[in-house]
Protein backbone atom coordinates (compact mmCIF):
# COMPACT_ATOMS: atom_id res chain seq x y z
CA MET A 1 0.00 0.00 0.00
CA GLU A 2 1.36 3.38 -0.99
CA ARG A 3 2.31 5.53 2.01
CA SER A 4 -0.04 8.43 1.21
CA TYR A 5 -2.93 5.99 0.71
CA ALA A 6 -2.04 4.29 4.01
CA ARG A 7 -1.85 7.64 5.81
CA ASP A 8 -5.21 8.81 4.45
CA SER A 9 -6.81 5.46 5.30
CA ARG A 10 -5.36 5.61 8.82
CA ASP A 11 -6.70 9.12 9.32
CA LEU A 12 -10.19 8.12 8.19
CA ALA A 13 -10.13 4.98 10.35
CA LEU A 14 -9.12 7.01 13.41
CA SER A 15 -11.84 9.54 12.59
CA ALA A 16 -14.38 6.70 12.44
CA ILE A 17 -13.23 5.49 15.86
CA THR A 18 -13.63 9.02 17.21
CA ASP A 19 -17.13 9.25 15.75
CA LEU A 20 -18.13 5.87 17.18
CA SER A 21 -16.84 6.92 20.58
CA ALA A 22 -18.87 10.13 20.29
CA ILE A 23 -22.00 8.06 19.76
CA LEU A 24 -21.36 6.41 23.12
CA ALA A 25 -20.80 9.77 24.79
CA ILE A 26 -24.08 11.10 23.40
CA ALA A 27 -25.94 7.97 24.45
CA GLN A 28 -24.48 8.21 27.93
CA LYS A 29 -25.44 11.87 28.25
CA HIS A 30 -28.89 11.83 26.63
CA GLY A 31 -30.07 8.24 26.54
CA SER A 32 -31.19 5.82 29.14
CA THR A 33 -28.76 3.50 30.89
CA GLU A 34 -30.23 0.64 28.89
CA GLU A 35 -29.72 2.46 25.57
CA PHE A 36 -26.12 3.22 26.47
CA GLU A 37 -25.41 -0.33 27.56
CA ASP A 38 -27.01 -1.69 24.38
CA LEU A 39 -24.49 0.30 22.33
CA ILE A 40 -21.30 -0.58 24.21
CA ARG A 41 -20.80 -4.06 22.73
CA PRO A 42 -21.56 -3.33 19.04
CA ILE A 43 -19.54 -0.13 19.06
CA GLY A 44 -16.68 -1.88 20.83
CA LEU A 45 -16.75 -4.64 18.21
CA LEU A 46 -16.71 -2.10 15.38
CA ILE A 47 -13.77 -0.24 16.90
CA GLY A 48 -11.95 -3.54 17.40
CA GLN A 49 -12.52 -4.51 13.78
CA ILE A 50 -11.22 -1.18 12.53
CA GLU A 51 -8.14 -1.67 14.69
CA THR A 52 -7.42 -5.29 13.77
CA GLU A 53 -8.59 -5.39 10.17
CA LEU A 54 -7.34 -2.03 8.99
CA LEU A 55 -5.01 -0.20 11.34
CA CYS A 56 -2.87 -3.23 12.22
CA ARG A 57 -2.35 -3.91 8.51
CA ILE A 58 -1.42 -0.31 7.85
CA TYR A 59 0.98 -0.20 10.81
CA ALA A 60 2.59 -3.50 9.81
CA GLU A 61 3.47 -2.07 6.42
CA HIS A 62 4.09 1.51 7.56
CA PRO A 63 5.14 1.46 11.24
CA GLU A 64 6.10 5.13 11.04
CA LEU A 65 2.39 5.99 10.77
CA ASP A 66 1.67 4.53 14.20
CA ASP A 67 1.67 7.58 16.47
CA LEU A 68 1.39 5.40 19.58
CA LYS A 69 4.78 3.75 19.12
């Protein structure tokens, strides 16, 4: 994967994770406890898939793009 493509993909994946996390924050603030708890698992699974299926692949090929290392 070309570096610029990997960087742009990483940025969009991280943005998606941020947006998914924001959904939880909104549900916690405005929804019922049940609504919030119903979202934790599916959103967690989605974030995990983004991490393992996309970000890990990008970081394996372009470790310099991993800001956490």
